[in-house]
Amino acid sequence: MPTNAGYRTFIAGEALPAHRHVKINTNVASSPPTIVFADAGEQGVGFTETAAASGATVAVRLTTAPGTVEVEAADTWALGAVLYSANDGKVSDSSSGTAIGQAMEACTKADDIIEMVPYVVASTAAGNVSVLDSANHTVTETVEAALAELYVHGKTAQAVIPIPLSSLTLEDGTAITKFSSADTATCGFSQEGNKELVLRFNNHATPADVAAFGIPLPADLNPAADIVVHWRAKMSGATDSPVLEHECYLGAGDTDCAGADDEIDGDTTLTEYTATIAHADVGGSPEELTLIFGPKASEMGTDDLLIYSVWLEYTRQPLAA
């Protein structure tokens, strides 16, 4: 069995300059083994000590040898940069595969020969292992950054539950029907001038009926965070500016836990309005949320209130199972 003191002789499978990262060519059976360039993202057995023509023998400083090694740079980097294998046996600080070492000096020009401390074993630190991502799902380059991206997405506060207008009923469960412009206290569905469907409340001083919906809370809801109710709404004119009142009930037998009501600003511009359900009132899944809303009595006498959309935003938490 051959032995060595950190160096070994190989056969060059192609023309190899000195100080290049090389790997065994497993497609060629020879003794000693044949080596070729270790390209971007690949692990190698060591670095050439001298240049060699194809077919000639060449001495290789093995990755397991003690001490530092001279390598040829594919680009520039700062002192202490984590280095990776690059094409043609060069090294780079651009993440590709698993890191192979750390720079002992800064590199200011590609093709310079730079001192590097090789990693004796493949680095398992998530910040040093690159992501192949052949389908281009992420712009990040390392496992650490990709995991962080996934967790940020998984826990984002922008998780949305849309509430279709067609799912709304009156508070007592009665179906909402087509809007009537007569002097009625009941809201209804209306198709506006540009064919958009809205929930319309007549300009009645004392609205008798308000809208309601009920949904189960999602399994990934974080009960330690607030739930925010959103409405997109406007008035038919610029005279009235009613408060958009709401009630909120969580689970069976709950008391109203609604937050502060928002005021429609009396404008004909479509605007987003919100109300917050405090996290202290949110028990989490499984639980049901019932929400009731409509304009405050005695605050409309001239203009109608038009609701274009309703949705909830909540904060996710990673699921354990």
C-alpha atoms as a PDB file:
ATOM      1  CA  MET A   1       0.000   0.000   0.000  1.00  0.00           C
ATOM      2  CA  PRO A   2       1.514   3.372  -0.976  1.00  0.00           C
ATOM      3  CA  THR A   3       2.196   5.923   1.726  1.00  0.00           C
ATOM      4  CA  ASN A   4       2.909   9.638   1.518  1.00  0.00           C
ATOM      5  CA  ALA A   5       3.658  12.619   3.706  1.00  0.00           C
ATOM      6  CA  GLY A   6       0.943  14.888   2.369  1.00  0.00           C
ATOM      7  CA  TYR A   7       2.035  14.697  -1.294  1.00  0.00           C
ATOM      8  CA  ARG A   8       1.282  12.147  -3.971  1.00  0.00           C
ATOM      9  CA  THR A   9       2.094  11.570  -7.613  1.00  0.00           C
ATOM     10  CA  PHE A  10      -0.755  11.409 -10.154  1.00  0.00           C
ATOM     11  CA  ILE A  11      -1.090  11.354 -13.942  1.00  0.00           C
ATOM     12  CA  ALA A  12      -2.306  14.596 -15.502  1.00  0.00           C
ATOM     13  CA  GLY A  13      -5.501  13.957 -17.458  1.00  0.00           C
ATOM     14  CA  GLU A  14      -5.145  17.353 -19.136  1.00  0.00           C
ATOM     15  CA  ALA A  15      -2.590  20.150 -19.151  1.00  0.00           C
ATOM     16  CA  LEU A  16      -2.413  21.315 -15.550  1.00  0.00           C
ATOM     17  CA  PRO A  17      -0.782  24.560 -14.372  1.00  0.00           C
ATOM     18  CA  ALA A  18       0.660  24.771 -10.849  1.00  0.00           C
ATOM     19  CA  HIS A  19      -1.503  25.716  -7.855  1.00  0.00           C
ATOM     20  CA  ARG A  20      -4.740  24.363  -9.315  1.00  0.00           C
ATOM     21  CA  HIS A  21      -7.424  22.413  -7.450  1.00  0.00           C
ATOM     22  CA  VAL A  22      -7.720  18.884  -8.895  1.00  0.00           C
ATOM     23  CA  LYS A  23      -9.931  15.823  -8.573  1.00  0.00           C
ATOM     24  CA  ILE A  24      -9.585  12.159  -9.570  1.00  0.00           C
ATOM     25  CA  ASN A  25     -10.992  11.305 -12.977  1.00  0.00           C
ATOM     26  CA  THR A  26     -13.082   8.251 -12.088  1.00  0.00           C
ATOM     27  CA  ASN A  27     -13.699   7.520 -15.772  1.00  0.00           C
ATOM     28  CA  VAL A  28     -10.060   6.565 -16.361  1.00  0.00           C
ATOM     29  CA  ALA A  29      -8.463   3.477 -14.801  1.00  0.00           C
ATOM     30  CA  SER A  30      -4.757   4.108 -14.251  1.00  0.00           C
ATOM     31  CA  SER A  31      -2.047   3.654 -11.679  1.00  0.00           C
ATOM     32  CA  PRO A  32      -1.323   6.138 -10.301  1.00  0.00           C
ATOM     33  CA  PRO A  33      -4.803   7.688 -10.668  1.00  0.00           C
ATOM     34  CA  THR A  34      -5.498  10.312 -13.330  1.00  0.00           C
ATOM     35  CA  ILE A  35      -6.457  13.801 -12.201  1.00  0.00           C
ATOM     36  CA  VAL A  36      -8.229  16.725 -13.870  1.00  0.00           C
ATOM     37  CA  PHE A  37      -9.412  20.179 -12.790  1.00  0.00           C
ATOM     38  CA  ALA A  38     -11.944  20.372  -9.953  1.00  0.00           C
ATOM     39  CA  ASP A  39     -14.500  22.833 -11.318  1.00  0.00           C
ATOM     40  CA  ALA A  40     -16.991  25.148  -9.600  1.00  0.00           C
ATOM     41  CA  GLY A  41     -18.794  23.505  -6.688  1.00  0.00           C
ATOM     42  CA  GLU A  42     -16.662  20.338  -6.787  1.00  0.00           C
ATOM     43  CA  GLN A  43     -14.503  18.780  -4.095  1.00  0.00           C
ATOM     44  CA  GLY A  44     -10.964  17.745  -4.994  1.00  0.00           C
ATOM     45  CA  VAL A  45      -8.058  15.732  -3.597  1.00  0.00           C
ATOM     46  CA  GLY A  46      -5.518  18.558  -3.516  1.00  0.00           C
ATOM     47  CA  PHE A  47      -3.534  21.173  -5.445  1.00  0.00           C
ATOM     48  CA  THR A  48      -0.860  20.791  -8.113  1.00  0.00           C
ATOM     49  CA  GLU A  49       2.665  21.683  -7.004  1.00  0.00           C
ATOM     50  CA  THR A  50       4.036  22.202 -10.521  1.00  0.00           C
ATOM     51  CA  ALA A  51       2.717  22.428 -14.066  1.00  0.00           C
ATOM     52  CA  ALA A  52       2.346  19.219 -16.058  1.00  0.00           C
ATOM     53  CA  ALA A  53       1.475  18.339 -19.638  1.00  0.00           C
ATOM     54  CA  SER A  54      -1.382  15.956 -20.330  1.00  0.00           C
ATOM     55  CA  GLY A  55      -0.231  12.395 -19.677  1.00  0.00           C
ATOM     56  CA  ALA A  56       2.759  13.438 -17.557  1.00  0.00           C
ATOM     57  CA  THR A  57       3.141  12.708 -13.868  1.00  0.00           C
ATOM     58  CA  VAL A  58       2.474  15.546 -11.475  1.00  0.00           C
ATOM     59  CA  ALA A  59       2.943  16.066  -7.742  1.00  0.00           C
ATOM     60  CA  VAL A  60      -0.167  17.045  -5.802  1.00  0.00           C
ATOM     61  CA  ARG A  61      -0.273  18.520  -2.318  1.00  0.00           C
ATOM     62  CA  LEU A  62      -3.179  16.616  -0.757  1.00  0.00           C
ATOM     63  CA  THR A  63      -5.991  18.443   0.976  1.00  0.00           C
ATOM     64  CA  THR A  64      -5.184  16.451   4.129  1.00  0.00           C
ATOM     65  CA  ALA A  65      -1.576  17.728   4.260  1.00  0.00           C
ATOM     66  CA  PRO A  66      -0.767  20.051   7.195  1.00  0.00           C
ATOM     67  CA  GLY A  67      -0.142  23.741   6.671  1.00  0.00           C
ATOM     68  CA  THR A  68      -1.301  26.252   4.072  1.00  0.00           C
ATOM     69  CA  VAL A  69      -1.339  25.962   0.289  1.00  0.00           C
ATOM     70  CA  GLU A  70      -0.889  28.336  -2.657  1.00  0.00           C
ATOM     71  CA  VAL A  71      -3.890  28.599  -4.970  1.00  0.00           C
ATOM     72  CA  GLU A  72      -4.699  30.525  -8.138  1.00  0.00           C
ATOM     73  CA  ALA A  73      -7.484  33.069  -7.823  1.00  0.00           C
ATOM     74  CA  ALA A  74     -10.457  33.212 -10.167  1.00  0.00           C
ATOM     75  CA  ASP A  75     -11.440  36.662  -8.875  1.00  0.00           C
ATOM     76  CA  THR A  76     -10.725  39.084  -6.042  1.00  0.00           C
ATOM     77  CA  TRP A  77     -11.554  38.801  -2.341  1.00  0.00           C
ATOM     78  CA  ALA A  78     -10.826  40.208   1.090  1.00  0.00           C
ATOM     79  CA  LEU A  79      -8.576  38.822   3.815  1.00  0.00           C
ATOM     80  CA  GLY A  80     -10.316  35.941   5.577  1.00  0.00           C
ATOM     81  CA  ALA A  81     -12.787  35.280   2.762  1.00  0.00           C
ATOM     82  CA  VAL A  82     -14.330  31.810   2.657  1.00  0.00           C
ATOM     83  CA  LEU A  83     -13.225  30.207  -0.600  1.00  0.00           C
ATOM     84  CA  TYR A  84     -14.866  27.737  -2.973  1.00  0.00           C
ATOM     85  CA  SER A  85     -13.756  25.710  -5.939  1.00  0.00           C
ATOM     86  CA  ALA A  86     -14.110  27.564  -9.255  1.00  0.00           C
ATOM     87  CA  ASN A  87     -13.783  26.435 -12.862  1.00  0.00           C
ATOM     88  CA  ASP A  88     -10.415  25.178 -14.172  1.00  0.00           C
ATOM     89  CA  GLY A  89      -9.132  24.402 -10.698  1.00  0.00           C
ATOM     90  CA  LYS A  90      -9.043  28.020  -9.524  1.00  0.00           C
ATOM     91  CA  VAL A  91     -10.661  29.230  -6.304  1.00  0.00           C
ATOM     92  CA  SER A  92     -13.191  32.001  -5.641  1.00  0.00           C
ATOM     93  CA  ASP A  93     -15.123  33.624  -2.838  1.00  0.00           C
ATOM     94  CA  SER A  94     -18.323  33.205  -4.887  1.00  0.00           C
ATOM     95  CA  SER A  95     -20.414  30.549  -3.181  1.00  0.00           C
ATOM     96  CA  SER A  96     -20.459  27.273  -5.132  1.00  0.00           C
ATOM     97  CA  GLY A  97     -20.810  23.875  -3.530  1.00  0.00           C
ATOM     98  CA  THR A  98     -19.087  23.415  -0.177  1.00  0.00           C
ATOM     99  CA  ALA A  99     -16.334  25.769   1.001  1.00  0.00           C
ATOM    100  CA  ILE A 100     -12.789  24.388   0.607  1.00  0.00           C
ATOM    101  CA  GLY A 101     -10.758  26.879   2.656  1.00  0.00           C
ATOM    102  CA  GLN A 102     -10.151  30.384   3.942  1.00  0.00           C
ATOM    103  CA  ALA A 103      -7.983  33.148   2.472  1.00  0.00           C
ATOM    104  CA  MET A 104      -4.868  34.071   4.462  1.00  0.00           C
ATOM    105  CA  GLU A 105      -4.470  37.271   2.443  1.00  0.00           C
ATOM    106  CA  ALA A 106      -6.545  39.586   0.303  1.00  0.00           C
ATOM    107  CA  CYS A 107      -6.586  39.094  -3.466  1.00  0.00           C
ATOM    108  CA  THR A 108      -6.664  42.222  -5.633  1.00  0.00           C
ATOM    109  CA  LYS A 109      -6.382  40.642  -9.081  1.00  0.00           C
ATOM    110  CA  ALA A 110      -7.658  37.480 -10.785  1.00  0.00           C
ATOM    111  CA  ASP A 111      -4.966  34.865 -11.547  1.00  0.00           C
ATOM    112  CA  ASP A 112      -2.834  35.924  -8.563  1.00  0.00           C
ATOM    113  CA  ILE A 113      -1.312  33.155  -6.434  1.00  0.00           C
ATOM    114  CA  ILE A 114      -2.711  33.448  -2.912  1.00  0.00           C
ATOM    115  CA  GLU A 115      -2.134  31.574   0.356  1.00  0.00           C
ATOM    116  CA  MET A 116      -5.123  29.592   1.650  1.00  0.00           C
ATOM    117  CA  VAL A 117      -5.804  27.380   4.669  1.00  0.00           C
ATOM    118  CA  PRO A 118      -7.605  24.299   3.305  1.00  0.00           C
ATOM    119  CA  TYR A 119     -10.533  22.842   5.198  1.00  0.00           C
ATOM    120  CA  VAL A 120      -9.448  19.324   6.104  1.00  0.00           C
ATOM    121  CA  VAL A 121     -13.063  18.152   6.045  1.00  0.00           C
ATOM    122  CA  ALA A 122     -15.961  19.473   4.002  1.00  0.00           C
ATOM    123  CA  SER A 123     -17.506  22.390   5.857  1.00  0.00           C
ATOM    124  CA  THR A 124     -20.937  21.639   7.289  1.00  0.00           C
ATOM    125  CA  ALA A 125     -21.651  25.204   8.460  1.00  0.00           C
ATOM    126  CA  ALA A 126     -24.822  26.311   6.701  1.00  0.00           C
ATOM    127  CA  GLY A 127     -23.269  29.678   5.898  1.00  0.00           C
ATOM    128  CA  ASN A 128     -20.477  27.979   3.927  1.00  0.00           C
ATOM    129  CA  VAL A 129     -22.506  25.421   1.945  1.00  0.00           C
ATOM    130  CA  SER A 130     -23.949  26.782  -1.277  1.00  0.00           C
ATOM    131  CA  VAL A 131     -27.354  26.130  -2.835  1.00  0.00           C
ATOM    132  CA  LEU A 132     -27.393  24.780  -6.393  1.00  0.00           C
ATOM    133  CA  ASP A 133     -30.938  26.031  -7.118  1.00  0.00           C
ATOM    134  CA  SER A 134     -30.961  24.955 -10.754  1.00  0.00           C
ATOM    135  CA  ALA A 135     -34.630  26.016 -11.044  1.00  0.00           C
ATOM    136  CA  ASN A 136     -33.855  29.586  -9.851  1.00  0.00           C
ATOM    137  CA  HIS A 137     -36.250  29.594  -6.901  1.00  0.00           C
ATOM    138  CA  THR A 138     -34.071  31.930  -4.804  1.00  0.00           C
ATOM    139  CA  VAL A 139     -31.478  34.664  -5.260  1.00  0.00           C
ATOM    140  CA  THR A 140     -29.533  33.529  -2.172  1.00  0.00           C
ATOM    141  CA  GLU A 141     -26.326  31.506  -2.465  1.00  0.00           C
ATOM    142  CA  THR A 142     -25.909  29.558   0.788  1.00  0.00           C
ATOM    143  CA  VAL A 143     -27.974  27.096   2.800  1.00  0.00           C
ATOM    144  CA  GLU A 144     -28.051  29.571   5.708  1.00  0.00           C
ATOM    145  CA  ALA A 145     -29.446  32.372   3.539  1.00  0.00           C
ATOM    146  CA  ALA A 146     -31.954  30.057   1.823  1.00  0.00           C
ATOM    147  CA  LEU A 147     -33.242  28.760   5.166  1.00  0.00           C
ATOM    148  CA  ALA A 148     -33.534  32.306   6.477  1.00  0.00           C
ATOM    149  CA  GLU A 149     -35.515  33.254   3.373  1.00  0.00           C
ATOM    150  CA  LEU A 150     -37.886  30.310   3.882  1.00  0.00           C
ATOM    151  CA  TYR A 151     -38.431  31.139   7.555  1.00  0.00           C
ATOM    152  CA  VAL A 152     -39.034  34.813   6.846  1.00  0.00           C
ATOM    153  CA  HIS A 153     -41.621  33.808   4.252  1.00  0.00           C
ATOM    154  CA  GLY A 154     -43.140  31.171   6.543  1.00  0.00           C
ATOM    155  CA  LYS A 155     -43.499  33.613   9.442  1.00  0.00           C
ATOM    156  CA  THR A 156     -44.420  36.719   7.471  1.00  0.00           C
ATOM    157  CA  ALA A 157     -47.174  38.963   8.787  1.00  0.00           C
ATOM    158  CA  GLN A 158     -48.568  39.176   5.268  1.00  0.00           C
ATOM    159  CA  ALA A 159     -50.475  35.885   5.388  1.00  0.00           C
ATOM    160  CA  VAL A 160     -53.890  36.728   3.957  1.00  0.00           C
ATOM    161  CA  ILE A 161     -57.378  35.243   4.272  1.00  0.00           C
ATOM    162  CA  PRO A 162     -59.592  36.771   1.562  1.00  0.00           C
ATOM    163  CA  ILE A 163     -63.281  37.047   2.408  1.00  0.00           C
ATOM    164  CA  PRO A 164     -65.323  36.881  -0.817  1.00  0.00           C
ATOM    165  CA  LEU A 165     -68.218  39.324  -0.833  1.00  0.00           C
ATOM    166  CA  SER A 166     -70.438  36.449  -1.938  1.00  0.00           C
ATOM    167  CA  SER A 167     -69.774  34.715   1.409  1.00  0.00           C
ATOM    168  CA  LEU A 168     -71.259  37.582   3.429  1.00  0.00           C
ATOM    169  CA  THR A 169     -74.711  37.358   4.997  1.00  0.00           C
ATOM    170  CA  LEU A 170     -76.733  39.644   7.201  1.00  0.00           C
ATOM    171  CA  GLU A 171     -76.029  39.341  10.910  1.00  0.00           C
ATOM    172  CA  ASP A 172     -78.870  36.856  11.475  1.00  0.00           C
ATOM    173  CA  GLY A 173     -77.775  34.653   8.559  1.00  0.00           C
ATOM    174  CA  THR A 174     -80.253  36.009   6.031  1.00  0.00           C
ATOM    175  CA  ALA A 175     -78.867  36.058   2.488  1.00  0.00           C
ATOM    176  CA  ILE A 176     -77.829  39.421   1.125  1.00  0.00           C
ATOM    177  CA  THR A 177     -79.671  40.252  -2.086  1.00  0.00           C
ATOM    178  CA  LYS A 178     -79.480  42.874  -4.802  1.00  0.00           C
ATOM    179  CA  PHE A 179     -79.145  46.436  -3.549  1.00  0.00           C
ATOM    180  CA  SER A 180     -82.236  48.610  -3.634  1.00  0.00           C
ATOM    181  CA  SER A 181     -81.776  52.364  -3.842  1.00  0.00           C
ATOM    182  CA  ALA A 182     -85.089  52.956  -2.110  1.00  0.00           C
ATOM    183  CA  ASP A 183     -85.164  54.237   1.450  1.00  0.00           C
ATOM    184  CA  THR A 184     -84.129  50.909   2.965  1.00  0.00           C
ATOM    185  CA  ALA A 185     -81.983  50.125   5.974  1.00  0.00           C
ATOM    186  CA  THR A 186     -80.716  46.861   4.459  1.00  0.00           C
ATOM    187  CA  CYS A 187     -77.458  46.556   2.537  1.00  0.00           C
ATOM    188  CA  GLY A 188     -77.249  44.733  -0.795  1.00  0.00           C
ATOM    189  CA  PHE A 189     -74.967  43.800  -3.663  1.00  0.00           C
ATOM    190  CA  SER A 190     -74.576  46.408  -6.379  1.00  0.00           C
ATOM    191  CA  GLN A 191     -72.840  46.441  -9.759  1.00  0.00           C
ATOM    192  CA  GLU A 192     -71.182  49.824 -10.200  1.00  0.00           C
ATOM    193  CA  GLY A 193     -70.444  51.774 -13.366  1.00  0.00           C
ATOM    194  CA  ASN A 194     -67.280  49.875 -14.288  1.00  0.00           C
ATOM    195  CA  LYS A 195     -69.003  46.533 -13.594  1.00  0.00           C
ATOM    196  CA  GLU A 196     -67.377  46.018 -10.204  1.00  0.00           C
ATOM    197  CA  LEU A 197     -69.477  44.141  -7.632  1.00  0.00           C
ATOM    198  CA  VAL A 198     -69.682  45.846  -4.221  1.00  0.00           C
ATOM    199  CA  LEU A 199     -71.575  45.592  -0.954  1.00  0.00           C
ATOM    200  CA  ARG A 200     -73.595  48.800  -0.714  1.00  0.00           C
ATOM    201  CA  PHE A 201     -75.166  50.356   2.392  1.00  0.00           C
ATOM    202  CA  ASN A 202     -77.938  52.831   1.659  1.00  0.00           C
ATOM    203  CA  ASN A 203     -77.816  56.383   3.025  1.00  0.00           C
ATOM    204  CA  HIS A 204     -80.170  55.440   5.819  1.00  0.00           C
ATOM    205  CA  ALA A 205     -79.887  57.182   9.181  1.00  0.00           C
ATOM    206  CA  THR A 206     -80.477  54.000  11.158  1.00  0.00           C
ATOM    207  CA  PRO A 207     -79.161  50.913   9.307  1.00  0.00           C
ATOM    208  CA  ALA A 208     -81.134  47.932  10.548  1.00  0.00           C
ATOM    209  CA  ASP A 209     -78.912  45.192   9.187  1.00  0.00           C
ATOM    210  CA  VAL A 210     -75.170  44.752   9.014  1.00  0.00           C
ATOM    211  CA  ALA A 211     -72.973  42.238   7.185  1.00  0.00           C
ATOM    212  CA  ALA A 212     -71.317  39.209   8.771  1.00  0.00           C
ATOM    213  CA  PHE A 213     -69.041  36.271   8.012  1.00  0.00           C
ATOM    214  CA  GLY A 214     -67.596  33.329   9.924  1.00  0.00           C
ATOM    215  CA  ILE A 215     -64.372  31.415   9.213  1.00  0.00           C
ATOM    216  CA  PRO A 216     -62.162  28.880  11.031  1.00  0.00           C
ATOM    217  CA  LEU A 217     -58.752  30.187  12.034  1.00  0.00           C
ATOM    218  CA  PRO A 218     -55.923  28.627   9.965  1.00  0.00           C
ATOM    219  CA  ALA A 219     -53.664  25.997  11.502  1.00  0.00           C
ATOM    220  CA  ASP A 220     -50.523  28.089  10.956  1.00  0.00           C
ATOM    221  CA  LEU A 221     -51.860  31.174  12.746  1.00  0.00           C
ATOM    222  CA  ASN A 222     -49.554  32.522  15.460  1.00  0.00           C
ATOM    223  CA  PRO A 223     -51.780  33.267  18.484  1.00  0.00           C
ATOM    224  CA  ALA A 224     -49.104  35.589  19.876  1.00  0.00           C
ATOM    225  CA  ALA A 225     -49.719  38.091  17.064  1.00  0.00           C
ATOM    226  CA  ASP A 226     -52.659  40.364  16.237  1.00  0.00           C
ATOM    227  CA  ILE A 227     -55.150  39.718  13.450  1.00  0.00           C
ATOM    228  CA  VAL A 228     -55.883  42.749  11.273  1.00  0.00           C
ATOM    229  CA  VAL A 229     -59.184  43.169   9.428  1.00  0.00           C
ATOM    230  CA  HIS A 230     -59.001  45.117   6.148  1.00  0.00           C
ATOM    231  CA  TRP A 231     -61.730  46.768   4.093  1.00  0.00           C
ATOM    232  CA  ARG A 232     -61.415  48.612   0.789  1.00  0.00           C
ATOM    233  CA  ALA A 233     -64.242  51.118   0.732  1.00  0.00           C
ATOM    234  CA  LYS A 234     -65.437  54.543  -0.346  1.00  0.00           C
ATOM    235  CA  MET A 235     -68.483  56.798  -0.118  1.00  0.00           C
ATOM    236  CA  SER A 236     -70.767  57.631  -3.038  1.00  0.00           C
ATOM    237  CA  GLY A 237     -70.351  61.320  -2.203  1.00  0.00           C
ATOM    238  CA  ALA A 238     -68.254  63.624  -0.052  1.00  0.00           C
ATOM    239  CA  THR A 239     -70.810  64.597   2.603  1.00  0.00           C
ATOM    240  CA  ASP A 240     -71.031  61.697   5.058  1.00  0.00           C
ATOM    241  CA  SER A 241     -68.076  60.134   6.882  1.00  0.00           C
ATOM    242  CA  PRO A 242     -69.453  57.302   9.021  1.00  0.00           C
ATOM    243  CA  VAL A 243     -67.494  55.137  11.425  1.00  0.00           C
ATOM    244  CA  LEU A 244     -67.247  51.565  10.137  1.00  0.00           C
ATOM    245  CA  GLU A 245     -68.291  49.665  13.252  1.00  0.00           C
ATOM    246  CA  HIS A 246     -67.434  46.001  13.793  1.00  0.00           C
ATOM    247  CA  GLU A 247     -67.925  43.247  16.338  1.00  0.00           C
ATOM    248  CA  CYS A 248     -65.668  40.229  16.697  1.00  0.00           C
ATOM    249  CA  TYR A 249     -66.275  36.865  18.376  1.00  0.00           C
ATOM    250  CA  LEU A 250     -63.786  34.006  18.695  1.00  0.00           C
ATOM    251  CA  GLY A 251     -65.045  30.527  19.472  1.00  0.00           C
ATOM    252  CA  ALA A 252     -68.302  29.525  21.106  1.00  0.00           C
ATOM    253  CA  GLY A 253     -69.849  31.825  23.702  1.00  0.00           C
ATOM    254  CA  ASP A 254     -67.264  34.574  23.271  1.00  0.00           C
ATOM    255  CA  THR A 255     -67.897  38.222  24.097  1.00  0.00           C
ATOM    256  CA  ASP A 256     -67.145  40.988  21.630  1.00  0.00           C
ATOM    257  CA  CYS A 257     -63.373  41.466  21.385  1.00  0.00           C
ATOM    258  CA  ALA A 258     -63.276  43.975  18.544  1.00  0.00           C
ATOM    259  CA  GLY A 259     -60.605  46.652  18.465  1.00  0.00           C
ATOM    260  CA  ALA A 260     -61.025  50.324  17.633  1.00  0.00           C
ATOM    261  CA  ASP A 261     -63.325  51.183  14.731  1.00  0.00           C
ATOM    262  CA  ASP A 262     -62.039  53.068  11.686  1.00  0.00           C
ATOM    263  CA  GLU A 263     -63.793  56.082  10.173  1.00  0.00           C
ATOM    264  CA  ILE A 264     -64.615  56.298   6.483  1.00  0.00           C
ATOM    265  CA  ASP A 265     -63.090  59.619   5.524  1.00  0.00           C
ATOM    266  CA  GLY A 266     -66.061  60.897   3.537  1.00  0.00           C
ATOM    267  CA  ASP A 267     -64.300  60.720   0.214  1.00  0.00           C
ATOM    268  CA  THR A 268     -65.211  59.071  -3.078  1.00  0.00           C
ATOM    269  CA  THR A 269     -61.644  57.722  -3.357  1.00  0.00           C
ATOM    270  CA  LEU A 270     -61.317  53.972  -2.809  1.00  0.00           C
ATOM    271  CA  THR A 271     -59.329  53.640   0.427  1.00  0.00           C
ATOM    272  CA  GLU A 272     -58.129  50.856   2.723  1.00  0.00           C
ATOM    273  CA  TYR A 273     -59.449  50.818   6.295  1.00  0.00           C
ATOM    274  CA  THR A 274     -58.396  48.513   9.141  1.00  0.00           C
ATOM    275  CA  ALA A 275     -59.301  47.244  12.573  1.00  0.00           C
ATOM    276  CA  THR A 276     -57.120  45.137  14.892  1.00  0.00           C
ATOM    277  CA  ILE A 277     -58.101  42.060  16.874  1.00  0.00           C
ATOM    278  CA  ALA A 278     -55.633  41.958  19.765  1.00  0.00           C
ATOM    279  CA  HIS A 279     -53.541  38.791  20.075  1.00  0.00           C
ATOM    280  CA  ALA A 280     -54.568  38.527  23.729  1.00  0.00           C
ATOM    281  CA  ASP A 281     -58.058  37.624  22.487  1.00  0.00           C
ATOM    282  CA  VAL A 282     -56.837  35.138  19.879  1.00  0.00           C
ATOM    283  CA  GLY A 283     -56.775  31.578  21.138  1.00  0.00           C
ATOM    284  CA  GLY A 284     -55.339  30.075  17.962  1.00  0.00           C
ATOM    285  CA  SER A 285     -56.448  27.115  15.891  1.00  0.00           C
ATOM    286  CA  PRO A 286     -58.822  25.325  16.133  1.00  0.00           C
ATOM    287  CA  GLU A 287     -61.158  28.240  16.741  1.00  0.00           C
ATOM    288  CA  GLU A 288     -63.800  30.096  14.780  1.00  0.00           C
ATOM    289  CA  LEU A 289     -63.920  33.820  14.080  1.00  0.00           C
ATOM    290  CA  THR A 290     -67.206  35.634  13.497  1.00  0.00           C
ATOM    291  CA  LEU A 291     -67.062  39.243  12.372  1.00  0.00           C
ATOM    292  CA  ILE A 292     -69.977  41.660  11.964  1.00  0.00           C
ATOM    293  CA  PHE A 293     -69.600  45.097  10.401  1.00  0.00           C
ATOM    294  CA  GLY A 294     -71.521  48.062   9.026  1.00  0.00           C
ATOM    295  CA  PRO A 295     -71.815  51.885   9.214  1.00  0.00           C
ATOM    296  CA  LYS A 296     -72.583  53.481  12.563  1.00  0.00           C
ATOM    297  CA  ALA A 297     -76.164  54.636  13.017  1.00  0.00           C
ATOM    298  CA  SER A 298     -77.022  58.327  12.590  1.00  0.00           C
ATOM    299  CA  GLU A 299     -73.878  59.052  10.558  1.00  0.00           C
ATOM    300  CA  MET A 300     -75.276  58.605   7.028  1.00  0.00           C
ATOM    301  CA  GLY A 301     -78.074  60.610   5.472  1.00  0.00           C
ATOM    302  CA  THR A 302     -76.781  61.716   2.097  1.00  0.00           C
ATOM    303  CA  ASP A 303     -74.193  59.255   0.745  1.00  0.00           C
ATOM    304  CA  ASP A 304     -74.047  55.472   0.388  1.00  0.00           C
ATOM    305  CA  LEU A 305     -71.170  53.345   1.735  1.00  0.00           C
ATOM    306  CA  LEU A 306     -69.559  50.970  -0.803  1.00  0.00           C
ATOM    307  CA  ILE A 307     -67.441  48.013   0.396  1.00  0.00           C
ATOM    308  CA  TYR A 308     -65.259  46.609  -2.412  1.00  0.00           C
ATOM    309  CA  SER A 309     -63.304  43.898  -0.572  1.00  0.00           C
ATOM    310  CA  VAL A 310     -62.689  42.365   2.849  1.00  0.00           C
ATOM    311  CA  TRP A 311     -59.693  40.340   4.030  1.00  0.00           C
ATOM    312  CA  LEU A 312     -57.763  39.355   7.141  1.00  0.00           C
ATOM    313  CA  GLU A 313     -54.019  39.466   7.663  1.00  0.00           C
ATOM    314  CA  TYR A 314     -52.322  37.300  10.284  1.00  0.00           C
ATOM    315  CA  THR A 315     -48.832  36.175  11.278  1.00  0.00           C
ATOM    316  CA  ARG A 316     -47.800  32.617  10.478  1.00  0.00           C
ATOM    317  CA  GLN A 317     -45.851  30.238  12.661  1.00  0.00           C
ATOM    318  CA  PRO A 318     -44.007  27.096  11.427  1.00  0.00           C
ATOM    319  CA  LEU A 319     -46.069  23.953  11.904  1.00  0.00           C
ATOM    320  CA  ALA A 320     -44.550  21.203  14.056  1.00  0.00           C
ATOM    321  CA  ALA A 321     -46.507  18.464  12.282  1.00  0.00           C
END
